[in-house]
Amino acid sequence: MLTLDANAVAEALPYDQLIDALATAFGGEFEVPLRAHHEVPLADGNPGTLLLMPAWQSGGSMGVKIATVFPDNAAQGYPAVFASYILMSAQTGIPIAVLDGTEITLRRTAAASALASTCLSRSNSTRLLMVGTGNLAPHLIAAHVSARPITEICIWGRRKEAAGKLAATLATSSFSVTLSGDLEEAVNRADIISCATLAIDPLIRGAWLKPGQHLDLVGSFKPDMREADSEALSRADVYVDTRAGAMSEAGEIVQAVNDGSFHASDIKGELRDLVTGNAGGRTSDDSITLFKSVGTALEDLAAAELAVRNRG
């Protein structure tokens, strides 16, 4: 059985290929049960989360990701997210490979945002604002750069030291990198705003958004989490990776529905609709678009299959 560690997975999942693999997967027929979501109480601090994410294609592959999210890990110098992935045959159940699920999660999440951006952001978008400085941030930057002609990156983070470290890792890139201490001003200058935080209270205000912008919300995965306020949703054309996941787990949407400012019918489409053409995507240069991602096991399966093909 093949075993791929984080470095091997990274080498096997270049973003251009992964974006294409996700487009193919979302356009295909797969079985993806809603993920199992369990809270893990801790004696001291915020509870952790255990996620079990299966998916399969009849006659093809089957896989499951086991992921944990512990928000307080940063204070101890650990990443918040860890995961392992097991790829199996959907015909026999025989294991094919065990892969580093954390690297798969980082890369497929970023690639899904970039795939959505190819349908929703303006094709001439050059300025990206990265809100958040965690492990996902450099992947989101790399994926968005692969999808649009980005020449300027601005980074905003609660922790200035972390923002500086992220900027330093990008110093030799082909785009310029700046830091911002004023989030509203940074939003105002951006073409694409990508958020990957564990925020409970909204960071992005709908009143700040301007015509033509694309907002990419990645961080929240529970109903009590949100990175943007309800006004941001009401001003934007809203798309999601999956309706089922968004309506049960995306705090921005759940809370906006609860306060009456947004309705499930206001969602324009899923990522599947965008890649198959059932949803039109951006309708004008002045539209404000929003993509909310909570993640789906289909992305993990597509990434694992591609990694195994590239390493085979």
C-alpha atoms as a PDB file:
ATOM      1  CA  MET A   1       0.000   0.000   0.000  1.00  0.00           C
ATOM      2  CA  LEU A   2       1.274   3.437  -0.975  1.00  0.00           C
ATOM      3  CA  THR A   3       2.054   5.913   1.803  1.00  0.00           C
ATOM      4  CA  LEU A   4       2.454   9.611   0.985  1.00  0.00           C
ATOM      5  CA  ASP A   5       3.685  12.046   3.615  1.00  0.00           C
ATOM      6  CA  ALA A   6       3.069  15.793   3.491  1.00  0.00           C
ATOM      7  CA  ASN A   7       6.026  16.525   1.194  1.00  0.00           C
ATOM      8  CA  ALA A   8       5.029  13.788  -1.241  1.00  0.00           C
ATOM      9  CA  VAL A   9       1.427  15.010  -1.319  1.00  0.00           C
ATOM     10  CA  ALA A  10       2.570  18.583  -1.929  1.00  0.00           C
ATOM     11  CA  GLU A  11       4.765  17.537  -4.854  1.00  0.00           C
ATOM     12  CA  ALA A  12       1.933  15.456  -6.334  1.00  0.00           C
ATOM     13  CA  LEU A  13      -0.686  18.226  -6.212  1.00  0.00           C
ATOM     14  CA  PRO A  14       0.376  21.235  -8.311  1.00  0.00           C
ATOM     15  CA  TYR A  15      -2.397  23.805  -8.215  1.00  0.00           C
ATOM     16  CA  ASP A  16      -3.142  23.955 -11.932  1.00  0.00           C
ATOM     17  CA  GLN A  17      -3.708  20.198 -12.044  1.00  0.00           C
ATOM     18  CA  LEU A  18      -5.650  20.156  -8.792  1.00  0.00           C
ATOM     19  CA  ILE A  19      -8.013  22.914  -9.904  1.00  0.00           C
ATOM     20  CA  ASP A  20      -8.732  20.924 -13.074  1.00  0.00           C
ATOM     21  CA  ALA A  21      -9.227  17.726 -11.056  1.00  0.00           C
ATOM     22  CA  LEU A  22     -11.754  19.446  -8.803  1.00  0.00           C
ATOM     23  CA  ALA A  23     -13.636  20.839 -11.798  1.00  0.00           C
ATOM     24  CA  THR A  24     -13.878  17.319 -13.229  1.00  0.00           C
ATOM     25  CA  ALA A  25     -15.004  15.877  -9.886  1.00  0.00           C
ATOM     26  CA  PHE A  26     -17.708  18.492  -9.293  1.00  0.00           C
ATOM     27  CA  GLY A  27     -19.000  17.816 -12.793  1.00  0.00           C
ATOM     28  CA  GLY A  28     -19.206  14.047 -12.184  1.00  0.00           C
ATOM     29  CA  GLU A  29     -21.371  11.646 -10.198  1.00  0.00           C
ATOM     30  CA  PHE A  30     -20.187  10.852  -6.669  1.00  0.00           C
ATOM     31  CA  GLU A  31     -21.741   9.838  -3.372  1.00  0.00           C
ATOM     32  CA  VAL A  32     -20.876  12.304  -0.624  1.00  0.00           C
ATOM     33  CA  PRO A  33     -22.683  11.824   2.704  1.00  0.00           C
ATOM     34  CA  LEU A  34     -22.825  14.851   4.977  1.00  0.00           C
ATOM     35  CA  ARG A  35     -19.755  14.763   7.191  1.00  0.00           C
ATOM     36  CA  ALA A  36     -19.975  13.521  10.766  1.00  0.00           C
ATOM     37  CA  HIS A  37     -19.170  16.358  13.136  1.00  0.00           C
ATOM     38  CA  HIS A  38     -18.314  15.687  16.802  1.00  0.00           C
ATOM     39  CA  GLU A  39     -17.316  18.118  19.543  1.00  0.00           C
ATOM     40  CA  VAL A  40     -14.426  17.039  21.754  1.00  0.00           C
ATOM     41  CA  PRO A  41     -14.625  18.782  25.149  1.00  0.00           C
ATOM     42  CA  LEU A  42     -11.426  19.897  26.848  1.00  0.00           C
ATOM     43  CA  ALA A  43     -10.826  20.453  30.532  1.00  0.00           C
ATOM     44  CA  ASP A  44      -9.429  23.906  29.798  1.00  0.00           C
ATOM     45  CA  GLY A  45     -10.117  26.034  26.723  1.00  0.00           C
ATOM     46  CA  ASN A  46     -12.268  25.826  23.613  1.00  0.00           C
ATOM     47  CA  PRO A  47     -13.495  22.365  22.591  1.00  0.00           C
ATOM     48  CA  GLY A  48     -11.920  20.512  19.696  1.00  0.00           C
ATOM     49  CA  THR A  49     -13.755  19.088  16.693  1.00  0.00           C
ATOM     50  CA  LEU A  50     -13.554  15.636  15.103  1.00  0.00           C
ATOM     51  CA  LEU A  51     -14.659  15.386  11.460  1.00  0.00           C
ATOM     52  CA  LEU A  52     -15.244  12.180   9.470  1.00  0.00           C
ATOM     53  CA  MET A  53     -15.607  12.789   5.739  1.00  0.00           C
ATOM     54  CA  PRO A  54     -16.373   9.858   3.365  1.00  0.00           C
ATOM     55  CA  ALA A  55     -16.942   9.900  -0.404  1.00  0.00           C
ATOM     56  CA  TRP A  56     -16.965   7.372  -3.238  1.00  0.00           C
ATOM     57  CA  GLN A  57     -17.700   6.840  -6.914  1.00  0.00           C
ATOM     58  CA  SER A  58     -19.424   3.610  -7.899  1.00  0.00           C
ATOM     59  CA  GLY A  59     -16.909   1.368  -9.630  1.00  0.00           C
ATOM     60  CA  GLY A  60     -14.080   3.763  -8.803  1.00  0.00           C
ATOM     61  CA  SER A  61     -12.413   4.953  -5.630  1.00  0.00           C
ATOM     62  CA  MET A  62     -13.627   5.400  -2.078  1.00  0.00           C
ATOM     63  CA  GLY A  63     -12.017   7.380   0.682  1.00  0.00           C
ATOM     64  CA  VAL A  64     -12.435   8.869   4.116  1.00  0.00           C
ATOM     65  CA  LYS A  65     -10.677  11.734   5.828  1.00  0.00           C
ATOM     66  CA  ILE A  66     -10.287  11.847   9.581  1.00  0.00           C
ATOM     67  CA  ALA A  67      -9.697  15.457  10.626  1.00  0.00           C
ATOM     68  CA  THR A  68      -9.363  17.332  13.897  1.00  0.00           C
ATOM     69  CA  VAL A  69      -9.685  21.071  14.531  1.00  0.00           C
ATOM     70  CA  PHE A  70      -8.447  22.436  17.873  1.00  0.00           C
ATOM     71  CA  PRO A  71      -8.628  26.269  17.839  1.00  0.00           C
ATOM     72  CA  ASP A  72      -6.403  26.761  20.908  1.00  0.00           C
ATOM     73  CA  ASN A  73      -3.439  24.932  19.360  1.00  0.00           C
ATOM     74  CA  ALA A  74      -1.902  28.180  18.077  1.00  0.00           C
ATOM     75  CA  ALA A  75      -1.153  29.277  21.641  1.00  0.00           C
ATOM     76  CA  GLN A  76       0.925  26.110  22.039  1.00  0.00           C
ATOM     77  CA  GLY A  77       2.705  26.509  18.717  1.00  0.00           C
ATOM     78  CA  TYR A  78       0.731  23.770  16.927  1.00  0.00           C
ATOM     79  CA  PRO A  79      -1.435  23.975  13.798  1.00  0.00           C
ATOM     80  CA  ALA A  80      -5.176  24.043  14.469  1.00  0.00           C
ATOM     81  CA  VAL A  81      -5.912  21.307  11.919  1.00  0.00           C
ATOM     82  CA  PHE A  82      -4.574  17.757  11.496  1.00  0.00           C
ATOM     83  CA  ALA A  83      -5.876  15.039   9.193  1.00  0.00           C
ATOM     84  CA  SER A  84      -5.199  11.641   7.631  1.00  0.00           C
ATOM     85  CA  TYR A  85      -6.730  10.226   4.446  1.00  0.00           C
ATOM     86  CA  ILE A  86      -7.349   6.604   3.464  1.00  0.00           C
ATOM     87  CA  LEU A  87      -7.992   5.853  -0.230  1.00  0.00           C
ATOM     88  CA  MET A  88      -9.632   2.525  -1.097  1.00  0.00           C
ATOM     89  CA  SER A  89     -11.206   0.683  -4.004  1.00  0.00           C
ATOM     90  CA  ALA A  90     -14.970   1.216  -4.177  1.00  0.00           C
ATOM     91  CA  GLN A  91     -15.291  -2.241  -5.750  1.00  0.00           C
ATOM     92  CA  THR A  92     -13.418  -4.310  -3.158  1.00  0.00           C
ATOM     93  CA  GLY A  93     -12.714  -1.995  -0.229  1.00  0.00           C
ATOM     94  CA  ILE A  94      -9.031  -2.851  -0.520  1.00  0.00           C
ATOM     95  CA  PRO A  95      -6.843   0.030   0.757  1.00  0.00           C
ATOM     96  CA  ILE A  96      -4.841   1.757  -1.975  1.00  0.00           C
ATOM     97  CA  ALA A  97      -2.996   4.496  -0.113  1.00  0.00           C
ATOM     98  CA  VAL A  98      -2.668   6.406   3.123  1.00  0.00           C
ATOM     99  CA  LEU A  99      -1.960  10.095   2.595  1.00  0.00           C
ATOM    100  CA  ASP A 100      -1.219  13.074   4.781  1.00  0.00           C
ATOM    101  CA  GLY A 101      -4.702  14.510   5.133  1.00  0.00           C
ATOM    102  CA  THR A 102      -3.574  17.874   6.436  1.00  0.00           C
ATOM    103  CA  GLU A 103      -1.708  18.662   3.212  1.00  0.00           C
ATOM    104  CA  ILE A 104      -4.643  17.384   1.160  1.00  0.00           C
ATOM    105  CA  THR A 105      -7.009  19.618   3.153  1.00  0.00           C
ATOM    106  CA  LEU A 106      -4.864  22.723   2.703  1.00  0.00           C
ATOM    107  CA  ARG A 107      -4.386  22.221  -1.007  1.00  0.00           C
ATOM    108  CA  ARG A 108      -7.889  21.110  -1.994  1.00  0.00           C
ATOM    109  CA  THR A 109      -9.450  23.925   0.061  1.00  0.00           C
ATOM    110  CA  ALA A 110      -7.301  26.520  -1.657  1.00  0.00           C
ATOM    111  CA  ALA A 111      -7.891  24.955  -5.069  1.00  0.00           C
ATOM    112  CA  ALA A 112     -11.677  25.004  -4.557  1.00  0.00           C
ATOM    113  CA  SER A 113     -11.529  28.724  -3.808  1.00  0.00           C
ATOM    114  CA  ALA A 114      -9.413  29.304  -6.907  1.00  0.00           C
ATOM    115  CA  LEU A 115     -11.814  27.228  -9.014  1.00  0.00           C
ATOM    116  CA  ALA A 116     -14.730  29.339  -7.793  1.00  0.00           C
ATOM    117  CA  SER A 117     -12.721  32.478  -8.491  1.00  0.00           C
ATOM    118  CA  THR A 118     -12.287  31.506 -12.150  1.00  0.00           C
ATOM    119  CA  CYS A 119     -16.085  31.752 -12.427  1.00  0.00           C
ATOM    120  CA  LEU A 120     -16.796  34.598 -10.015  1.00  0.00           C
ATOM    121  CA  SER A 121     -13.924  37.096  -9.843  1.00  0.00           C
ATOM    122  CA  ARG A 122     -13.189  39.517 -12.658  1.00  0.00           C
ATOM    123  CA  SER A 123     -10.703  37.993 -15.089  1.00  0.00           C
ATOM    124  CA  ASN A 124      -8.460  41.067 -14.770  1.00  0.00           C
ATOM    125  CA  SER A 125      -8.227  40.908 -10.964  1.00  0.00           C
ATOM    126  CA  THR A 126      -4.703  41.858  -9.882  1.00  0.00           C
ATOM    127  CA  ARG A 127      -4.963  42.716  -6.169  1.00  0.00           C
ATOM    128  CA  LEU A 128      -5.522  40.013  -3.556  1.00  0.00           C
ATOM    129  CA  LEU A 129      -6.141  40.668   0.129  1.00  0.00           C
ATOM    130  CA  MET A 130      -5.328  37.710   2.383  1.00  0.00           C
ATOM    131  CA  VAL A 131      -7.162  37.945   5.712  1.00  0.00           C
ATOM    132  CA  GLY A 132      -5.568  35.487   8.118  1.00  0.00           C
ATOM    133  CA  THR A 133      -2.045  34.192   8.586  1.00  0.00           C
ATOM    134  CA  GLY A 134      -2.499  30.511   9.443  1.00  0.00           C
ATOM    135  CA  ASN A 135      -1.312  27.455   7.554  1.00  0.00           C
ATOM    136  CA  LEU A 136      -3.978  27.845   4.896  1.00  0.00           C
ATOM    137  CA  ALA A 137      -3.007  31.412   3.963  1.00  0.00           C
ATOM    138  CA  PRO A 138       0.035  30.671   1.726  1.00  0.00           C
ATOM    139  CA  HIS A 139      -1.944  27.962  -0.069  1.00  0.00           C
ATOM    140  CA  LEU A 140      -4.835  30.306  -0.777  1.00  0.00           C
ATOM    141  CA  ILE A 141      -2.397  32.888  -2.086  1.00  0.00           C
ATOM    142  CA  ALA A 142      -0.685  30.357  -4.365  1.00  0.00           C
ATOM    143  CA  ALA A 143      -3.975  28.975  -5.663  1.00  0.00           C
ATOM    144  CA  HIS A 144      -5.485  32.398  -6.378  1.00  0.00           C
ATOM    145  CA  VAL A 145      -2.278  33.476  -8.108  1.00  0.00           C
ATOM    146  CA  SER A 146      -2.536  30.414 -10.354  1.00  0.00           C
ATOM    147  CA  ALA A 147      -6.109  31.348 -11.320  1.00  0.00           C
ATOM    148  CA  ARG A 148      -5.864  35.116 -11.839  1.00  0.00           C
ATOM    149  CA  PRO A 149      -3.121  37.594 -12.924  1.00  0.00           C
ATOM    150  CA  ILE A 150      -2.356  38.682  -9.366  1.00  0.00           C
ATOM    151  CA  THR A 151       0.459  41.229  -9.066  1.00  0.00           C
ATOM    152  CA  GLU A 152      -0.193  42.612  -5.567  1.00  0.00           C
ATOM    153  CA  ILE A 153      -0.746  40.735  -2.311  1.00  0.00           C
ATOM    154  CA  CYS A 154      -1.808  42.498   0.876  1.00  0.00           C
ATOM    155  CA  ILE A 155      -1.821  40.569   4.163  1.00  0.00           C
ATOM    156  CA  TRP A 156      -3.900  41.396   7.235  1.00  0.00           C
ATOM    157  CA  GLY A 157      -3.713  39.393  10.443  1.00  0.00           C
ATOM    158  CA  ARG A 158      -4.548  39.854  14.098  1.00  0.00           C
ATOM    159  CA  ARG A 159      -0.959  38.919  14.985  1.00  0.00           C
ATOM    160  CA  LYS A 160       1.513  41.283  13.309  1.00  0.00           C
ATOM    161  CA  GLU A 161       4.415  38.897  13.872  1.00  0.00           C
ATOM    162  CA  ALA A 162       2.606  36.085  12.040  1.00  0.00           C
ATOM    163  CA  ALA A 163       1.708  38.437   9.186  1.00  0.00           C
ATOM    164  CA  GLY A 164       5.353  39.444   8.894  1.00  0.00           C
ATOM    165  CA  LYS A 165       6.500  35.828   8.799  1.00  0.00           C
ATOM    166  CA  LEU A 166       4.001  35.009   6.052  1.00  0.00           C
ATOM    167  CA  ALA A 167       5.147  38.020   4.032  1.00  0.00           C
ATOM    168  CA  ALA A 168       8.772  36.927   4.428  1.00  0.00           C
ATOM    169  CA  THR A 169       8.022  33.513   2.905  1.00  0.00           C
ATOM    170  CA  LEU A 170       6.666  35.304  -0.182  1.00  0.00           C
ATOM    171  CA  ALA A 171       9.561  37.736  -0.573  1.00  0.00           C
ATOM    172  CA  THR A 172      11.002  36.067  -3.678  1.00  0.00           C
ATOM    173  CA  SER A 173       7.651  35.730  -5.460  1.00  0.00           C
ATOM    174  CA  SER A 174       6.745  37.447  -8.715  1.00  0.00           C
ATOM    175  CA  PHE A 175       4.163  39.678  -7.000  1.00  0.00           C
ATOM    176  CA  SER A 176       4.570  42.509  -4.509  1.00  0.00           C
ATOM    177  CA  VAL A 177       3.687  41.869  -0.853  1.00  0.00           C
ATOM    178  CA  THR A 178       2.555  44.429   1.710  1.00  0.00           C
ATOM    179  CA  LEU A 179       1.114  44.306   5.229  1.00  0.00           C
ATOM    180  CA  SER A 180      -1.918  46.237   6.420  1.00  0.00           C
ATOM    181  CA  GLY A 181      -3.006  47.236   9.898  1.00  0.00           C
ATOM    182  CA  ASP A 182      -6.253  48.780   8.624  1.00  0.00           C
ATOM    183  CA  LEU A 183      -8.616  46.061   7.421  1.00  0.00           C
ATOM    184  CA  GLU A 184     -11.264  48.424   6.034  1.00  0.00           C
ATOM    185  CA  GLU A 185      -8.694  50.256   3.910  1.00  0.00           C
ATOM    186  CA  ALA A 186      -7.203  46.960   2.711  1.00  0.00           C
ATOM    187  CA  VAL A 187     -10.643  45.677   1.698  1.00  0.00           C
ATOM    188  CA  ASN A 188     -11.312  48.882  -0.206  1.00  0.00           C
ATOM    189  CA  ARG A 189      -8.186  48.367  -2.351  1.00  0.00           C
ATOM    190  CA  ALA A 190      -8.663  44.684  -3.169  1.00  0.00           C
ATOM    191  CA  ASP A 191     -10.127  42.927  -6.197  1.00  0.00           C
ATOM    192  CA  ILE A 192     -10.293  39.561  -4.406  1.00  0.00           C
ATOM    193  CA  ILE A 193     -10.597  39.175  -0.634  1.00  0.00           C
ATOM    194  CA  SER A 194      -9.788  35.732   0.741  1.00  0.00           C
ATOM    195  CA  CYS A 195     -10.493  35.014   4.411  1.00  0.00           C
ATOM    196  CA  ALA A 196      -9.174  32.031   6.354  1.00  0.00           C
ATOM    197  CA  THR A 197      -9.618  32.666  10.061  1.00  0.00           C
ATOM    198  CA  LEU A 198     -11.364  31.102  13.039  1.00  0.00           C
ATOM    199  CA  ALA A 199     -13.331  34.291  13.691  1.00  0.00           C
ATOM    200  CA  ILE A 200     -16.487  34.232  15.777  1.00  0.00           C
ATOM    201  CA  ASP A 201     -17.376  37.881  15.191  1.00  0.00           C
ATOM    202  CA  PRO A 202     -17.446  39.235  11.607  1.00  0.00           C
ATOM    203  CA  LEU A 203     -14.237  40.721  10.260  1.00  0.00           C
ATOM    204  CA  ILE A 204     -15.526  41.849   6.851  1.00  0.00           C
ATOM    205  CA  ARG A 205     -18.344  44.386   6.807  1.00  0.00           C
ATOM    206  CA  GLY A 206     -20.728  44.486   3.884  1.00  0.00           C
ATOM    207  CA  ALA A 207     -20.650  48.287   3.999  1.00  0.00           C
ATOM    208  CA  TRP A 208     -16.971  48.142   3.040  1.00  0.00           C
ATOM    209  CA  LEU A 209     -17.476  46.170  -0.176  1.00  0.00           C
ATOM    210  CA  LYS A 210     -17.397  47.906  -3.535  1.00  0.00           C
ATOM    211  CA  PRO A 211     -18.689  46.945  -7.002  1.00  0.00           C
ATOM    212  CA  GLY A 212     -16.632  44.328  -8.826  1.00  0.00           C
ATOM    213  CA  GLN A 213     -15.101  42.650  -5.786  1.00  0.00           C
ATOM    214  CA  HIS A 214     -15.037  38.929  -5.068  1.00  0.00           C
ATOM    215  CA  LEU A 215     -15.170  37.719  -1.457  1.00  0.00           C
ATOM    216  CA  ASP A 216     -13.827  34.242  -0.668  1.00  0.00           C
ATOM    217  CA  LEU A 217     -14.857  32.977   2.790  1.00  0.00           C
ATOM    218  CA  VAL A 218     -13.074  29.820   3.927  1.00  0.00           C
ATOM    219  CA  GLY A 219     -12.522  29.871   7.670  1.00  0.00           C
ATOM    220  CA  SER A 220     -15.848  29.313   9.395  1.00  0.00           C
ATOM    221  CA  PHE A 221     -17.106  25.727   9.594  1.00  0.00           C
ATOM    222  CA  LYS A 222     -19.581  25.920  12.481  1.00  0.00           C
ATOM    223  CA  PRO A 223     -22.835  27.910  12.878  1.00  0.00           C
ATOM    224  CA  ASP A 224     -21.354  30.132  15.611  1.00  0.00           C
ATOM    225  CA  MET A 225     -18.416  31.218  13.437  1.00  0.00           C
ATOM    226  CA  ARG A 226     -18.487  33.960  10.813  1.00  0.00           C
ATOM    227  CA  GLU A 227     -15.945  36.022   8.899  1.00  0.00           C
ATOM    228  CA  ALA A 228     -18.404  38.434   7.231  1.00  0.00           C
ATOM    229  CA  ASP A 229     -21.589  40.102   8.416  1.00  0.00           C
ATOM    230  CA  SER A 230     -25.110  39.652   7.063  1.00  0.00           C
ATOM    231  CA  GLU A 231     -24.890  42.825   4.969  1.00  0.00           C
ATOM    232  CA  ALA A 232     -22.026  41.290   2.978  1.00  0.00           C
ATOM    233  CA  LEU A 233     -24.299  38.405   1.989  1.00  0.00           C
ATOM    234  CA  SER A 234     -27.244  40.641   1.156  1.00  0.00           C
ATOM    235  CA  ARG A 235     -25.082  42.811  -1.135  1.00  0.00           C
ATOM    236  CA  ALA A 236     -23.449  39.910  -2.975  1.00  0.00           C
ATOM    237  CA  ASP A 237     -24.310  37.152  -5.419  1.00  0.00           C
ATOM    238  CA  VAL A 238     -23.699  34.195  -3.108  1.00  0.00           C
ATOM    239  CA  TYR A 239     -22.361  30.812  -4.198  1.00  0.00           C
ATOM    240  CA  VAL A 240     -21.355  27.848  -2.030  1.00  0.00           C
ATOM    241  CA  ASP A 241     -19.370  24.654  -2.435  1.00  0.00           C
ATOM    242  CA  THR A 242     -22.430  22.597  -1.392  1.00  0.00           C
ATOM    243  CA  ARG A 243     -25.847  23.773  -0.227  1.00  0.00           C
ATOM    244  CA  ALA A 244     -26.145  20.996   2.363  1.00  0.00           C
ATOM    245  CA  GLY A 245     -22.857  21.911   4.005  1.00  0.00           C
ATOM    246  CA  ALA A 246     -23.438  25.657   3.815  1.00  0.00           C
ATOM    247  CA  MET A 247     -26.940  25.534   5.300  1.00  0.00           C
ATOM    248  CA  SER A 248     -25.851  23.425   8.253  1.00  0.00           C
ATOM    249  CA  GLU A 249     -22.286  24.600   8.958  1.00  0.00           C
ATOM    250  CA  ALA A 250     -21.532  28.006   7.399  1.00  0.00           C
ATOM    251  CA  GLY A 251     -21.979  30.527  10.194  1.00  0.00           C
ATOM    252  CA  GLU A 252     -22.293  33.485   7.823  1.00  0.00           C
ATOM    253  CA  ILE A 253     -25.267  31.879   6.083  1.00  0.00           C
ATOM    254  CA  VAL A 254     -26.873  30.225   9.122  1.00  0.00           C
ATOM    255  CA  GLN A 255     -26.812  33.451  11.132  1.00  0.00           C
ATOM    256  CA  ALA A 256     -28.017  35.616   8.229  1.00  0.00           C
ATOM    257  CA  VAL A 257     -30.932  33.217   7.687  1.00  0.00           C
ATOM    258  CA  ASN A 258     -31.723  33.352  11.391  1.00  0.00           C
ATOM    259  CA  ASP A 259     -31.799  37.155  11.447  1.00  0.00           C
ATOM    260  CA  GLY A 260     -34.023  37.230   8.338  1.00  0.00           C
ATOM    261  CA  SER A 261     -31.611  39.136   6.094  1.00  0.00           C
ATOM    262  CA  PHE A 262     -30.891  36.140   3.853  1.00  0.00           C
ATOM    263  CA  HIS A 263     -32.822  33.103   2.626  1.00  0.00           C
ATOM    264  CA  ALA A 264     -31.714  29.713   1.352  1.00  0.00           C
ATOM    265  CA  SER A 265     -33.249  30.604  -2.019  1.00  0.00           C
ATOM    266  CA  ASP A 266     -30.847  33.558  -2.264  1.00  0.00           C
ATOM    267  CA  ILE A 267     -27.942  31.168  -2.894  1.00  0.00           C
ATOM    268  CA  LYS A 268     -27.288  31.430  -6.634  1.00  0.00           C
ATOM    269  CA  GLY A 269     -25.664  28.024  -6.992  1.00  0.00           C
ATOM    270  CA  GLU A 270     -23.156  25.434  -5.869  1.00  0.00           C
ATOM    271  CA  LEU A 271     -19.646  24.880  -7.198  1.00  0.00           C
ATOM    272  CA  ARG A 272     -21.091  22.019  -9.260  1.00  0.00           C
ATOM    273  CA  ASP A 273     -23.491  24.471 -10.922  1.00  0.00           C
ATOM    274  CA  LEU A 274     -20.633  26.799 -11.785  1.00  0.00           C
ATOM    275  CA  VAL A 275     -18.428  24.150 -13.418  1.00  0.00           C
ATOM    276  CA  THR A 276     -21.313  22.573 -15.364  1.00  0.00           C
ATOM    277  CA  GLY A 277     -22.733  25.900 -16.530  1.00  0.00           C
ATOM    278  CA  ASN A 278     -26.036  25.504 -14.666  1.00  0.00           C
ATOM    279  CA  ALA A 279     -25.218  28.745 -12.848  1.00  0.00           C
ATOM    280  CA  GLY A 280     -23.849  31.655 -14.798  1.00  0.00           C
ATOM    281  CA  GLY A 281     -21.393  33.043 -12.268  1.00  0.00           C
ATOM    282  CA  ARG A 282     -20.400  36.699 -12.500  1.00  0.00           C
ATOM    283  CA  THR A 283     -23.047  38.677 -14.378  1.00  0.00           C
ATOM    284  CA  SER A 284     -21.252  42.030 -14.749  1.00  0.00           C
ATOM    285  CA  ASP A 285     -18.039  43.844 -13.880  1.00  0.00           C
ATOM    286  CA  ASP A 286     -19.938  45.712 -11.153  1.00  0.00           C
ATOM    287  CA  SER A 287     -21.355  42.648  -9.400  1.00  0.00           C
ATOM    288  CA  ILE A 288     -20.140  41.747  -5.928  1.00  0.00           C
ATOM    289  CA  THR A 289     -19.644  37.994  -5.711  1.00  0.00           C
ATOM    290  CA  LEU A 290     -19.181  35.786  -2.667  1.00  0.00           C
ATOM    291  CA  PHE A 291     -18.058  32.167  -2.401  1.00  0.00           C
ATOM    292  CA  LYS A 292     -18.571  30.366   0.897  1.00  0.00           C
ATOM    293  CA  SER A 293     -16.653  27.144   1.398  1.00  0.00           C
ATOM    294  CA  VAL A 294     -17.053  24.706   4.281  1.00  0.00           C
ATOM    295  CA  GLY A 295     -15.328  21.843   2.478  1.00  0.00           C
ATOM    296  CA  THR A 296     -16.637  18.616   1.040  1.00  0.00           C
ATOM    297  CA  ALA A 297     -15.273  15.081   0.984  1.00  0.00           C
ATOM    298  CA  LEU A 298     -15.510  15.130  -2.808  1.00  0.00           C
ATOM    299  CA  GLU A 299     -12.556  17.534  -2.865  1.00  0.00           C
ATOM    300  CA  ASP A 300     -10.498  15.217  -0.667  1.00  0.00           C
ATOM    301  CA  LEU A 301     -11.242  12.200  -2.868  1.00  0.00           C
ATOM    302  CA  ALA A 302     -10.354  14.064  -6.061  1.00  0.00           C
ATOM    303  CA  ALA A 303      -7.095  15.298  -4.509  1.00  0.00           C
ATOM    304  CA  ALA A 304      -6.141  11.841  -3.209  1.00  0.00           C
ATOM    305  CA  GLU A 305      -6.817  10.248  -6.601  1.00  0.00           C
ATOM    306  CA  LEU A 306      -4.681  12.868  -8.358  1.00  0.00           C
ATOM    307  CA  ALA A 307      -1.846  12.468  -5.852  1.00  0.00           C
ATOM    308  CA  VAL A 308      -1.797   8.696  -6.322  1.00  0.00           C
ATOM    309  CA  ARG A 309      -1.886   9.050 -10.130  1.00  0.00           C
ATOM    310  CA  ASN A 310       1.023  11.494 -10.074  1.00  0.00           C
ATOM    311  CA  ARG A 311       3.066   9.312  -7.730  1.00  0.00           C
ATOM    312  CA  GLY A 312       2.251   6.037  -9.473  1.00  0.00           C
END
